[in-house]
C-alpha cells in the first residue's frame, strides 16, 4: 500500500476535483485567469515584474545543473526589449546520465506521491504567475493579458488536466492482488501478485516559440507524473519561461526528497540542432513536440525508439453558409483572425463563402458583403493602435514577415496589412492582419498553412462546394479547428459529418464571447490525433497511457 507523501495530502482535494472535471467536461478552472490585484494581491504584479527583470543580463540561476560546458544566450524579444539572459549549456552524455539516475526512486515513490509533487510544482508556479507571464510576454510577443492567461493559469490548468489523466490511468490497475484458482479436491492454487507502474524512460519536451508553457506543460507533467525524468529543450527564441519552470520544478523535487535532475533544462547554442541530437538518443523514450510539420514528420519517422507526440501545422477552416447574426459573425471571425496576430495553431486561415452570397437576418448578403464585413471587423479592432496591440501583440519572427509579403501577391487584397507603432515598445514589430480573396481553383495557395496574420476568403460555387474543399484540404494537410455558420439543420449536420470524417474539432455559429481559436481545459480537447495536424490530443487517456507500462511480479501465497 502506497504511503501518502505530505504533498499528496496537501493537494488531494485539487486532484480529486480535477478528476471530476475531466469526467464531467463542464467548466472548471483551478487557477484564476484574471491578473487583477483583487485576485492575486496588491503587490503581485510589481513583485513578479521585478523578479522577471532580475534575470535580464545575467546568468540564469541553474548553476546546480550537471555537466555544464558553457553559457548561451539566444533570445530576441519581438518587442525589442534587451534580454541577454545566459543559460547553462549541458553536455549531452552528462545530462542524460544525470536524468536517469533519479528514476528508480521516482518510480518507486508511486502514483500518489508523484501526482502530489507535480501539483505542488504547479502551486509554486502559480505563486510566481506574474514572473512567468512577463517571461512569456517578452519572448513570444503576446500582449501581456494574453501572456498571463495562456502562459500561466491556462497552462497550469492544462498541466493539472494531464496529471489527472495520468493518475487515473495509473490507478486503473491495483497495486496488489491475491489470485486463487480452484484445484479440484486439493488445495487451491494461490498467488500473490504485485503490479508495478514502470516509466518508459527519459522524456524530451521540445518547446515552441509562440506558446512555450501552454504547449509544453501537458507533455512535461504527463511524463513526470508517470515516473519519467524530463529533459526540457526550449525554443531558442523562448527559453526564459521554461527556464523558470525548470528552476521551480527542481526546487520542489529537492524539497520532496527526490533528485532535482529529474527535470533538466537543455538550451541549445545558435545553430546547434540539439533537438535532433537528443531525439535520436536511445535513452530518450518519450518525445513531445509542437512546431513545424517538417520537423514533426522527421521526429515521427526517425525517433523510432520513442513514443512521439506531435502537434504540427494545419489548415483551419470556416464554412459560411448563412447566419441570423451577421454583425456578430463578422465580429467573432475578425477577433479570431486578429488575436495574437494569427500566430496560434488554432487560428482560422480559410473562410469559405459561396460566390452567390448568403442568407442573413436582414436578407441576402453578397460574397463581397461577407468579405467586407469580416475585413471591417478586423479594421475596427485595429483602428486604435493602443487597443489593437493588446489583442495582436507583436510578430514573433522574420518568417512571419516573409509570408506576409508573399501573401500580398497571391490574390486580391481585401484588407492590407499595415505596420503599427506600439505605444509602449517603440522597437516592437507589429503588423495588422492581411485578408486576401482567392478563387476555389487556388487550392495550391489556400491548401497549405500560412502561419501568421494571413487569411483567405475563398469564393466557392456553393456550400456543398465549400464542404468538398474543407474535406479535401483538411484530409491532406490536417487542421486543429473548424467552424461553420448556418441556420440550416441539414448544413450543420453535413458539416458535422465532414468534421468527423476529417477528425477535426468543430465550432458552430460562434457569435459571442467564445472563439474558435480558444479551448478550455478540462472540457475541450486540443487537437484530436485523427488528422495530419497532430498525432495526439491534449489531453486524453491515450496521451498519457503509453508513458508507462505495468510490470508484474508473482509468488506463491
Protein backbone atom coordinates (compact mmCIF):
# COMPACT_ATOMS: atom_id res chain seq x y z
CA UNK A 1 0.00 0.00 0.00
CA UNK A 2 1.43 3.35 -1.04
CA UNK A 3 2.19 5.73 1.82
CA UNK A 4 0.84 9.21 1.27
CA UNK A 5 3.50 11.85 0.78
CA UNK A 6 2.73 15.18 2.52
CA UNK A 7 2.49 16.90 -0.87
CA UNK A 8 -0.16 14.44 -1.99
CA UNK A 9 -2.09 15.02 1.22
CA UNK A 10 -1.90 18.78 0.68
CA UNK A 11 -3.22 18.61 -2.87
CA UNK A 12 -5.64 15.67 -2.67
CA UNK A 13 -8.71 17.90 -2.94
CA UNK A 14 -7.35 19.67 -6.03
CA UNK A 15 -6.52 16.38 -7.72
CA UNK A 16 -9.93 14.89 -6.90
CA UNK A 17 -11.67 17.99 -8.28
CA UNK A 18 -9.59 17.72 -11.45
CA UNK A 19 -10.61 14.07 -11.82
CA UNK A 20 -14.24 15.10 -11.51
CA UNK A 21 -13.73 17.85 -14.09
CA UNK A 22 -12.28 15.56 -16.77
CA UNK A 23 -15.20 13.18 -16.24
CA UNK A 24 -17.91 15.86 -16.36
CA UNK A 25 -16.31 18.10 -19.07
CA UNK A 26 -18.12 21.14 -17.60
CA UNK A 27 -16.46 24.47 -16.80
CA UNK A 28 -13.86 24.41 -14.05
CA UNK A 29 -10.54 26.14 -13.53
CA UNK A 30 -8.15 25.68 -10.64
CA UNK A 31 -6.21 28.87 -11.30
CA UNK A 32 -7.91 32.29 -11.73
CA UNK A 33 -7.29 33.81 -15.17
CA UNK A 34 -7.73 37.45 -14.19
CA UNK A 35 -4.49 39.30 -13.35
CA UNK A 36 -6.48 41.64 -11.11
CA UNK A 37 -4.94 42.76 -7.77
CA UNK A 38 -8.23 41.70 -6.17
CA UNK A 39 -7.40 38.13 -7.16
CA UNK A 40 -3.62 37.92 -6.82
CA UNK A 41 -2.92 40.65 -4.29
CA UNK A 42 -1.90 44.29 -4.45
CA UNK A 43 1.82 43.68 -4.94
CA UNK A 44 1.81 40.51 -7.05
CA UNK A 45 2.19 42.25 -10.42
CA UNK A 46 5.05 44.51 -9.31
CA UNK A 47 6.83 41.71 -7.48
CA UNK A 48 6.51 39.41 -10.48
CA UNK A 49 7.86 42.03 -12.88
CA UNK A 50 10.79 42.73 -10.54
CA UNK A 51 11.60 39.01 -10.34
CA UNK A 52 11.47 38.78 -14.13
CA UNK A 53 13.73 41.83 -14.63
CA UNK A 54 16.31 40.41 -12.22
CA UNK A 55 17.03 37.69 -14.79
CA UNK A 56 17.85 40.14 -17.60
CA UNK A 57 21.52 40.46 -18.46
CA UNK A 58 22.52 37.72 -16.01
CA UNK A 59 23.33 34.03 -15.78
CA UNK A 60 20.08 32.21 -15.08
CA UNK A 61 20.14 30.54 -11.63
CA UNK A 62 20.50 26.93 -12.76
CA UNK A 63 24.17 26.58 -11.90
CA UNK A 64 23.41 23.36 -10.00
CA UNK A 65 22.55 21.52 -13.22
CA UNK A 66 25.05 18.79 -14.13
CA UNK A 67 27.54 18.68 -17.00
CA UNK A 68 27.60 22.41 -17.74
CA UNK A 69 30.05 23.16 -20.56
CA UNK A 70 29.17 26.76 -21.45
CA UNK A 71 26.55 29.51 -21.16
CA UNK A 72 24.36 30.53 -24.11
CA UNK A 73 22.01 33.45 -24.88
CA UNK A 74 19.74 33.17 -27.93
CA UNK A 75 16.52 35.08 -27.23
CA UNK A 76 15.43 38.17 -29.18
CA UNK A 77 12.24 39.84 -27.95
CA UNK A 78 9.58 40.69 -30.59
CA UNK A 79 9.01 43.86 -28.56
CA UNK A 80 12.63 44.91 -28.93
CA UNK A 81 13.36 44.52 -25.21
CA UNK A 82 17.04 43.69 -24.48
CA UNK A 83 17.19 40.30 -22.73
CA UNK A 84 20.70 38.76 -22.72
CA UNK A 85 19.80 36.03 -20.26
CA UNK A 86 22.51 33.36 -20.28
CA UNK A 87 21.59 29.71 -19.74
CA UNK A 88 23.75 26.67 -18.92
CA UNK A 89 24.64 24.56 -21.93
CA UNK A 90 24.96 20.89 -20.97
CA UNK A 91 27.00 18.00 -22.29
CA UNK A 92 24.50 15.54 -23.80
CA UNK A 93 26.05 12.41 -22.29
CA UNK A 94 26.28 14.02 -18.86
CA UNK A 95 22.73 15.36 -18.82
CA UNK A 96 21.23 12.01 -19.85
CA UNK A 97 23.21 10.13 -17.21
CA UNK A 98 22.08 12.64 -14.58
CA UNK A 99 18.45 12.48 -15.71
CA UNK A 100 18.35 8.70 -15.44
CA UNK A 101 19.98 8.50 -12.01
CA UNK A 102 16.91 9.57 -10.07
CA UNK A 103 14.40 7.46 -11.97
CA UNK A 104 14.35 4.34 -9.74
CA UNK A 105 13.45 6.30 -6.60
CA UNK A 106 10.91 8.39 -8.51
CA UNK A 107 9.38 5.21 -9.96
CA UNK A 108 9.17 3.54 -6.56
CA UNK A 109 7.54 6.61 -4.99
CA UNK A 110 4.26 5.58 -6.63
CA UNK A 111 1.45 7.42 -8.44
CA UNK A 112 0.12 9.29 -5.41
CA UNK A 113 3.44 10.79 -4.43
CA UNK A 114 4.32 11.73 -7.98
CA UNK A 115 0.93 13.37 -8.51
CA UNK A 116 1.27 15.30 -5.25
CA UNK A 117 4.74 16.57 -6.15
CA UNK A 118 3.57 17.58 -9.63
CA UNK A 119 0.60 19.55 -8.28
CA UNK A 120 2.93 21.22 -5.76
CA UNK A 121 5.11 22.35 -8.69
CA UNK A 122 2.00 23.93 -10.22
CA UNK A 123 1.14 25.59 -6.91
CA UNK A 124 4.56 27.23 -6.75
CA UNK A 125 4.42 28.24 -10.39
CA UNK A 126 1.04 29.78 -9.66
CA UNK A 127 2.59 31.75 -6.81
CA UNK A 128 5.02 33.12 -9.42
CA UNK A 129 2.43 33.64 -12.15
CA UNK A 130 3.36 37.25 -12.91
CA UNK A 131 7.05 36.42 -13.18
CA UNK A 132 6.21 33.67 -15.65
CA UNK A 133 3.74 35.86 -17.54
CA UNK A 134 6.34 38.58 -18.06
CA UNK A 135 8.74 35.99 -19.44
CA UNK A 136 6.10 34.69 -21.87
CA UNK A 137 5.14 38.25 -22.83
CA UNK A 138 8.62 39.43 -23.83
CA UNK A 139 9.80 36.25 -25.56
CA UNK A 140 6.67 35.44 -27.60
CA UNK A 141 5.26 38.85 -28.48
CA UNK A 142 1.92 38.08 -26.84
CA UNK A 143 0.13 41.06 -25.31
CA UNK A 144 0.51 40.95 -21.53
CA UNK A 145 -3.02 39.86 -20.58
CA UNK A 146 -2.90 37.03 -23.10
CA UNK A 147 0.60 36.07 -21.92
CA UNK A 148 -0.67 35.99 -18.35
CA UNK A 149 -3.74 33.90 -19.14
CA UNK A 150 -2.32 31.48 -21.73
CA UNK A 151 1.19 31.39 -20.28
CA UNK A 152 0.25 30.92 -16.64
CA UNK A 153 -3.30 29.97 -15.39
CA UNK A 154 -4.45 28.29 -18.61
CA UNK A 155 -1.13 26.45 -18.91
CA UNK A 156 -1.43 25.35 -15.27
CA UNK A 157 -4.94 24.06 -15.95
CA UNK A 158 -3.72 22.03 -18.92
CA UNK A 159 -0.87 20.64 -16.80
CA UNK A 160 -3.26 19.69 -14.00
CA UNK A 161 -5.52 18.05 -16.56
CA UNK A 162 -2.59 15.94 -17.77
CA UNK A 163 -1.71 14.99 -14.18
CA UNK A 164 -5.31 13.95 -13.53
CA UNK A 165 -5.42 11.77 -16.64
CA UNK A 166 -2.06 10.24 -15.73
CA UNK A 167 -3.18 9.49 -12.19
CA UNK A 168 -6.46 7.97 -13.40
CA UNK A 169 -4.72 5.73 -15.94
CA UNK A 170 -2.15 4.53 -13.39
CA UNK A 171 -4.90 3.86 -10.83
CA UNK A 172 -6.79 1.54 -13.18
CA UNK A 173 -4.57 -1.35 -12.13
CA UNK A 174 -4.42 -2.29 -8.43
CA UNK A 175 -1.04 -2.35 -6.75
CA UNK A 176 -1.54 -5.89 -5.47
CA UNK A 177 -3.95 -8.79 -5.88
CA UNK A 178 -4.43 -12.26 -4.40
CA UNK A 179 -5.08 -14.87 -7.07
CA UNK A 180 -6.77 -18.15 -6.13
CA UNK A 181 -7.70 -20.90 -8.58
CA UNK A 182 -9.68 -24.00 -7.52
CA UNK A 183 -7.70 -27.24 -7.94
CA UNK A 184 -10.33 -29.99 -7.63
CA UNK A 185 -10.20 -31.81 -4.28
CA UNK A 186 -6.79 -30.44 -3.42
CA UNK A 187 -5.88 -27.06 -2.03
CA UNK A 188 -6.49 -24.19 -4.41
CA UNK A 189 -3.58 -22.58 -6.22
CA UNK A 190 -2.76 -19.27 -4.56
CA UNK A 191 -0.54 -16.50 -5.86
CA UNK A 192 0.29 -13.10 -4.53
CA UNK A 193 0.70 -10.65 -7.42
CA UNK A 194 2.22 -7.18 -7.46
CA UNK A 195 1.71 -4.73 -10.31
CA UNK A 196 4.35 -2.06 -10.78
CA UNK A 197 3.92 1.16 -12.76
CA UNK A 198 7.16 1.37 -14.73
CA UNK A 199 8.13 4.52 -16.66
CA UNK A 200 9.31 4.25 -20.25
CA UNK A 201 12.48 6.28 -19.71
CA UNK A 202 13.77 9.80 -20.29
CA UNK A 203 11.22 12.17 -21.80
CA UNK A 204 12.18 15.01 -24.13
CA UNK A 205 9.97 18.10 -24.38
CA UNK A 206 10.76 20.30 -27.40
CA UNK A 207 9.31 23.75 -26.76
CA UNK A 208 7.85 26.18 -29.30
CA UNK A 209 8.39 29.93 -29.73
CA UNK A 210 4.77 31.05 -29.53
CA UNK A 211 3.31 29.17 -26.54
CA UNK A 212 6.31 27.86 -24.60
CA UNK A 213 4.39 26.91 -21.44
CA UNK A 214 0.87 26.15 -22.72
CA UNK A 215 2.14 23.72 -25.34
CA UNK A 216 4.93 22.19 -23.23
CA UNK A 217 3.23 21.70 -19.88
CA UNK A 218 0.88 18.82 -20.81
CA UNK A 219 3.73 16.60 -22.02
CA UNK A 220 6.11 17.70 -19.28
CA UNK A 221 3.71 16.91 -16.45
CA UNK A 222 2.21 13.80 -18.07
CA UNK A 223 5.70 12.31 -18.32
CA UNK A 224 6.82 13.41 -14.87
CA UNK A 225 3.65 12.15 -13.18
CA UNK A 226 4.06 8.73 -14.79
CA UNK A 227 7.60 8.38 -13.45
CA UNK A 228 9.79 9.63 -16.29
CA UNK A 229 12.64 12.14 -15.98
CA UNK A 230 12.10 15.11 -18.29
CA UNK A 231 14.65 17.00 -20.39
CA UNK A 232 13.18 20.34 -21.49
CA UNK A 233 14.69 21.64 -24.75
CA UNK A 234 13.22 25.14 -25.21
CA UNK A 235 12.93 27.01 -28.49
CA UNK A 236 15.95 29.32 -28.80
CA UNK A 237 13.60 32.29 -29.00
CA UNK A 238 11.62 31.48 -25.84
CA UNK A 239 13.90 29.96 -23.22
CA UNK A 240 13.08 32.04 -20.15
CA UNK A 241 9.52 30.77 -19.48
CA UNK A 242 10.69 27.15 -19.45
CA UNK A 243 13.85 28.01 -17.51
CA UNK A 244 11.67 29.46 -14.74
CA UNK A 245 9.51 26.33 -14.89
CA UNK A 246 12.52 24.01 -14.60
CA UNK A 247 14.01 26.06 -11.77
CA UNK A 248 10.83 25.79 -9.69
CA UNK A 249 10.29 22.11 -10.55
CA UNK A 250 13.82 21.29 -9.40
CA UNK A 251 13.28 23.14 -6.13
CA UNK A 252 10.08 21.22 -5.43
CA UNK A 253 11.64 17.86 -6.27
CA UNK A 254 14.52 18.55 -3.89
CA UNK A 255 12.14 19.68 -1.14
CA UNK A 256 10.15 16.47 -1.62
CA UNK A 257 13.27 14.34 -1.19
CA UNK A 258 13.91 13.46 -4.83
CA UNK A 259 16.73 14.08 -7.27
CA UNK A 260 16.24 17.53 -8.85
CA UNK A 261 17.85 16.22 -12.03
CA UNK A 262 14.55 14.51 -12.79
CA UNK A 263 13.84 17.81 -14.59
CA UNK A 264 16.62 19.44 -16.63
CA UNK A 265 16.81 22.44 -18.93
CA UNK A 266 18.76 21.83 -22.16
CA UNK A 267 19.07 25.10 -24.11
CA UNK A 268 20.96 24.97 -27.37
CA UNK A 269 23.74 27.07 -28.83
CA UNK A 270 22.94 29.02 -32.02
CA UNK A 271 22.50 26.63 -34.93
CA UNK A 272 23.31 23.56 -32.85
CA UNK A 273 20.26 21.47 -33.73
CA UNK A 274 20.16 19.93 -30.26
CA UNK A 275 16.61 18.63 -30.63
CA UNK A 276 17.68 16.21 -33.38
CA UNK A 277 20.66 15.03 -31.36
CA UNK A 278 18.57 14.33 -28.25
CA UNK A 279 15.66 12.84 -30.19
CA UNK A 280 17.84 10.04 -31.58
CA UNK A 281 19.47 9.06 -28.31
CA UNK A 282 18.38 5.56 -27.23
CA UNK A 283 17.88 6.77 -23.65
CA UNK A 284 15.12 9.12 -24.83
CA UNK A 285 11.88 7.10 -24.82
CA UNK A 286 9.22 9.84 -24.99
CA UNK A 287 9.15 12.98 -27.16
CA UNK A 288 6.65 15.85 -27.09
CA UNK A 289 6.88 18.40 -29.88
CA UNK A 290 4.92 21.43 -31.09
CA UNK A 291 6.01 23.16 -34.27
CA UNK A 292 6.53 22.72 -37.99
CA UNK A 293 5.15 19.83 -39.98
CA UNK A 294 8.60 19.22 -41.45
CA UNK A 295 10.30 18.60 -38.11
CA UNK A 296 7.29 16.81 -36.64
CA UNK A 297 7.31 14.39 -39.56
CA UNK A 298 11.06 13.91 -39.14
CA UNK A 299 10.60 13.00 -35.48
CA UNK A 300 7.83 10.52 -36.27
CA UNK A 301 9.93 8.91 -39.00
CA UNK A 302 13.31 8.83 -37.25
CA UNK A 303 12.89 8.73 -33.45
CA UNK A 304 11.77 5.10 -33.64
CA UNK A 305 12.86 4.23 -30.10
CA UNK A 306 10.45 6.75 -28.55
CA UNK A 307 6.73 7.34 -28.17
CA UNK A 308 6.42 10.56 -30.18
CA UNK A 309 3.61 13.07 -29.63
CA UNK A 310 3.46 15.84 -32.25
CA UNK A 311 1.34 18.90 -32.84
CA UNK A 312 2.16 20.28 -36.28
CA UNK A 313 0.68 22.66 -38.85
CA UNK A 314 -2.81 22.53 -40.31
CA UNK A 315 -5.27 24.47 -42.43
CA UNK A 316 -8.01 25.70 -40.09
CA UNK A 317 -11.21 26.46 -41.98
CA UNK A 318 -14.51 28.32 -41.57
CA UNK A 319 -17.50 27.40 -43.76
CA UNK A 320 -20.02 30.25 -44.10
CA UNK A 321 -23.46 29.21 -45.37
CA UNK A 322 -25.92 31.56 -43.65
CA UNK A 323 -26.38 33.38 -40.36
CA UNK A 324 -29.03 35.02 -38.19
CA UNK A 325 -26.47 37.42 -36.70
CA UNK A 326 -24.34 38.87 -39.49
CA UNK A 327 -22.61 41.51 -37.37
CA UNK A 328 -21.93 39.01 -34.58
CA UNK A 329 -20.47 36.53 -37.05
CA UNK A 330 -18.16 39.12 -38.58
CA UNK A 331 -17.03 40.39 -35.16
CA UNK A 332 -16.32 36.88 -33.94
CA UNK A 333 -14.34 35.90 -37.04
CA UNK A 334 -12.49 39.22 -37.03
CA UNK A 335 -11.43 38.83 -33.43
CA UNK A 336 -10.22 35.28 -34.11
CA UNK A 337 -8.10 36.48 -37.04
CA UNK A 338 -6.54 39.33 -35.05
CA UNK A 339 -5.81 37.54 -31.77
CA UNK A 340 -2.02 37.27 -31.33
CA UNK A 341 -1.64 38.25 -34.99
CA UNK A 342 -2.84 34.84 -36.10
CA UNK A 343 0.21 33.19 -34.53
CA UNK A 344 -1.86 30.46 -32.93
CA UNK A 345 -2.07 26.90 -34.19
CA UNK A 346 -5.87 27.20 -33.87
CA UNK A 347 -6.37 30.47 -35.82
CA UNK A 348 -8.67 30.20 -38.88
CA UNK A 349 -6.95 30.63 -42.22
CA UNK A 350 -9.56 29.85 -44.88
CA UNK A 351 -13.06 31.35 -44.86
CA UNK A 352 -15.13 29.54 -47.49
CA UNK A 353 -18.07 31.60 -48.81
CA UNK A 354 -20.34 30.91 -51.81
CA UNK A 355 -19.77 33.47 -54.57
CA UNK A 356 -23.55 33.78 -54.80
CA UNK A 357 -23.71 35.15 -51.25
CA UNK A 358 -25.53 34.02 -48.11
CA UNK A 359 -28.86 34.45 -46.34
CA UNK A 360 -28.87 36.60 -43.18
CA UNK A 361 -31.41 38.01 -40.72
CA UNK A 362 -31.55 41.16 -42.90
CA UNK A 363 -31.89 39.34 -46.20
CA UNK A 364 -29.39 38.31 -48.82
CA UNK A 365 -25.76 39.40 -48.49
CA UNK A 366 -23.36 39.12 -51.40
CA UNK A 367 -19.94 37.48 -51.26
CA UNK A 368 -18.47 40.98 -51.31
CA UNK A 369 -20.64 41.97 -48.34
CA UNK A 370 -19.39 39.00 -46.31
CA UNK A 371 -15.76 39.67 -47.16
CA UNK A 372 -16.17 43.37 -46.39
CA UNK A 373 -17.92 42.59 -43.11
CA UNK A 374 -15.06 40.40 -41.89
CA UNK A 375 -12.42 42.86 -43.09
CA UNK A 376 -14.33 45.73 -41.49
CA UNK A 377 -14.46 43.91 -38.15
CA UNK A 378 -10.68 43.47 -38.18
CA UNK A 379 -10.18 47.10 -39.21
CA UNK A 380 -12.41 48.29 -36.37
CA UNK A 381 -10.40 46.29 -33.83
CA UNK A 382 -7.11 47.71 -35.08
CA UNK A 383 -8.18 51.32 -35.67
CA UNK A 384 -6.86 52.45 -32.28
CA UNK A 385 -3.26 51.16 -32.03
CA UNK A 386 -3.22 51.30 -28.23
CA UNK A 387 -6.21 48.95 -28.10
CA UNK A 388 -5.29 46.89 -31.14
CA UNK A 389 -1.87 45.84 -29.86
CA UNK A 390 -3.48 44.47 -26.70
CA UNK A 391 -5.07 41.88 -28.97
CA UNK A 392 -2.48 41.47 -31.73
CA UNK A 393 0.74 41.53 -29.74
CA UNK A 394 3.90 41.50 -31.86
CA UNK A 395 5.26 39.38 -34.71
CA UNK A 396 7.33 36.54 -33.32
CA UNK A 397 9.93 36.07 -36.08
CA UNK A 398 11.12 37.02 -39.55
CA UNK A 399 9.45 34.02 -41.14
CA UNK A 400 6.02 35.52 -40.45
CA UNK A 401 7.04 38.81 -42.10
CA UNK A 402 8.29 36.98 -45.20
CA UNK A 403 5.00 35.09 -45.51
CA UNK A 404 3.07 38.36 -45.18
CA UNK A 405 4.97 39.88 -48.08
CA UNK A 406 4.43 36.81 -50.25
CA UNK A 407 0.71 36.54 -49.41
CA UNK A 408 0.10 40.05 -50.80
CA UNK A 409 0.89 38.74 -54.27
CA UNK A 410 -1.28 35.60 -54.42
CA UNK A 411 -4.74 37.13 -54.82
CA UNK A 412 -6.89 40.24 -54.45
CA UNK A 413 -6.11 42.09 -51.23
CA UNK A 414 -9.31 42.79 -49.26
CA UNK A 415 -7.58 44.23 -46.20
CA UNK A 416 -3.99 45.40 -46.34
CA UNK A 417 -1.59 44.62 -43.51
CA UNK A 418 -0.08 47.75 -42.01
CA UNK A 419 2.90 48.49 -39.81
CA UNK A 420 1.86 49.73 -36.36
CA UNK A 421 3.94 51.67 -33.87
CA UNK A 422 3.49 50.09 -30.46
CA UNK A 423 2.51 52.76 -27.89
CA UNK A 424 4.79 51.24 -25.23
CA UNK A 425 7.54 49.34 -27.07
CA UNK A 426 8.89 51.57 -29.83
CA UNK A 427 11.05 48.78 -31.28
CA UNK A 428 8.24 46.22 -31.45
CA UNK A 429 7.38 44.54 -34.75
CA UNK A 430 3.59 44.84 -35.13
CA UNK A 431 1.51 44.12 -38.24
CA UNK A 432 -2.24 44.14 -38.68
CA UNK A 433 -3.89 41.13 -40.40
CA UNK A 434 -3.85 40.67 -44.16
CA UNK A 435 -7.00 39.33 -45.81
CA UNK A 436 -6.83 38.13 -49.41
CA UNK A 437 -9.57 36.95 -51.77
CA UNK A 438 -8.95 33.72 -53.65
CA UNK A 439 -11.00 31.63 -56.05
CA UNK A 440 -11.81 27.99 -55.41
CA UNK A 441 -9.28 26.84 -58.00
CA UNK A 442 -6.38 28.35 -55.99
CA UNK A 443 -6.03 25.24 -53.85
CA UNK A 444 -2.27 25.29 -54.24
CA UNK A 445 -2.31 28.52 -52.22
CA UNK A 446 -5.04 28.10 -49.60
CA UNK A 447 -4.37 24.37 -49.27
CA UNK A 448 -1.17 24.95 -47.28
CA UNK A 449 -0.62 26.71 -43.96
CA UNK A 450 0.35 30.41 -43.91
CA UNK A 451 1.25 30.87 -40.24
CA UNK A 452 0.72 34.43 -39.08
CA UNK A 453 -1.82 37.24 -39.63
CA UNK A 454 -2.81 35.92 -43.08
CA UNK A 455 -6.30 34.78 -44.05
CA UNK A 456 -8.04 33.91 -47.29
CA UNK A 457 -11.69 34.47 -48.14
CA UNK A 458 -12.30 31.82 -50.78
CA UNK A 459 -15.19 32.06 -53.23
CA UNK A 460 -16.86 28.69 -53.80
CA UNK A 461 -19.64 27.57 -56.14
CA UNK A 462 -21.94 26.61 -53.23
CA UNK A 463 -21.96 25.47 -49.63
CA UNK A 464 -21.67 21.92 -50.93
CA UNK A 465 -18.54 23.07 -52.76
CA UNK A 466 -17.23 24.61 -49.55
CA UNK A 467 -17.70 21.30 -47.76
CA UNK A 468 -15.81 19.48 -50.51
CA UNK A 469 -12.91 21.94 -50.24
CA UNK A 470 -12.92 21.63 -46.46
CA UNK A 471 -12.81 17.83 -46.62
CA UNK A 472 -10.06 17.85 -49.24
CA UNK A 473 -7.71 20.37 -47.59
CA UNK A 474 -8.11 19.04 -44.06
CA UNK A 475 -7.82 15.47 -45.28
CA UNK A 476 -4.48 16.28 -46.91
CA UNK A 477 -2.99 18.83 -44.51
CA UNK A 478 -4.97 18.43 -41.30
CA UNK A 479 -6.46 21.07 -39.02
CA UNK A 480 -6.81 21.78 -35.33
CA UNK A 481 -10.07 23.72 -35.62
CA UNK A 482 -13.05 24.03 -37.92
CA UNK A 483 -16.06 26.32 -37.78
CA UNK A 484 -19.40 26.67 -39.57
CA UNK A 485 -22.08 29.33 -39.79
CA UNK A 486 -25.52 28.20 -40.92
CA UNK A 487 -29.18 28.45 -39.98
CA UNK A 488 -29.97 25.22 -41.86
CA UNK A 489 -30.04 22.00 -39.86
CA UNK A 490 -29.06 19.87 -42.85
CA UNK A 491 -25.98 22.02 -43.48
CA UNK A 492 -24.93 21.78 -39.84
CA UNK A 493 -25.39 18.03 -39.96
CA UNK A 494 -23.35 17.78 -43.16
CA UNK A 495 -20.54 19.90 -41.68
CA UNK A 496 -20.50 17.83 -38.51
CA UNK A 497 -20.24 14.66 -40.57
CA UNK A 498 -17.41 16.20 -42.60
CA UNK A 499 -15.62 17.21 -39.40
CA UNK A 500 -15.96 13.69 -38.02
CA UNK A 501 -14.60 12.23 -41.25
CA UNK A 502 -11.70 14.69 -41.15
CA UNK A 503 -11.08 14.15 -37.43
CA UNK A 504 -11.18 17.85 -36.53
CA UNK A 505 -12.98 19.63 -33.69
CA UNK A 506 -15.94 21.75 -34.83
CA UNK A 507 -17.44 25.02 -33.54
CA UNK A 508 -20.93 26.04 -34.66
CA UNK A 509 -22.34 29.57 -35.08
CA UNK A 510 -19.94 31.37 -32.73
CA UNK A 511 -21.10 34.97 -32.40
CA UNK A 512 -20.42 35.84 -28.75
CA UNK A 513 -17.51 35.59 -26.35
CA UNK A 514 -16.30 32.12 -27.35
CA UNK A 515 -13.84 31.98 -30.24
CA UNK A 516 -12.75 29.10 -32.44
CA UNK A 517 -9.06 29.52 -31.60
CA UNK A 518 -9.56 29.18 -27.86
CA UNK A 519 -10.03 25.92 -25.96
CA UNK A 520 -10.98 25.30 -22.36
CA UNK A 521 -9.01 22.89 -20.19
CA UNK A 522 -10.96 20.03 -18.60
CA UNK A 523 -13.66 20.42 -21.26
CA UNK A 524 -12.26 20.91 -24.77
CA UNK A 525 -9.74 18.56 -26.30
CA UNK A 526 -6.93 20.38 -28.09
CA UNK A 527 -6.24 18.61 -31.40
CA UNK A 528 -7.66 15.15 -31.94
CA UNK A 529 -4.81 12.98 -33.18
CA UNK A 530 -7.15 11.96 -36.00
CA UNK A 531 -5.74 14.08 -38.87
CA UNK A 532 -2.28 15.12 -40.15
CA UNK A 533 -2.08 18.25 -37.97
CA UNK A 534 -1.39 16.26 -34.80
CA UNK A 535 -0.93 12.63 -33.83
CA UNK A 536 -2.28 13.11 -30.29
CA UNK A 537 -4.87 15.09 -28.36
CA UNK A 538 -4.09 17.34 -25.39
CA UNK A 539 -5.17 15.71 -23.21
CA UNK A 540 -6.89 12.35 -23.02
CA UNK A 541 -6.19 8.87 -21.77
CA UNK A 542 -4.25 7.92 -24.89
CA UNK A 543 -1.97 10.93 -24.37
CA UNK A 544 -0.71 9.60 -21.04
CA UNK A 545 -1.20 5.82 -21.12
CA UNK A 546 1.86 4.98 -23.25
CA UNK A 547 4.20 6.94 -21.00
CA UNK A 548 4.33 3.97 -18.61
CA UNK A 549 3.91 0.21 -18.61
CA UNK A 550 2.63 -2.23 -15.98
CA UNK A 551 5.18 -4.89 -14.98
CA UNK A 552 4.06 -7.61 -12.59
CA UNK A 553 5.74 -10.00 -10.20
CA UNK A 554 4.07 -13.03 -8.61
CA UNK A 555 4.88 -15.59 -5.96
CA UNK A 556 3.09 -18.38 -4.14
CA UNK A 557 0.90 -17.09 -1.35
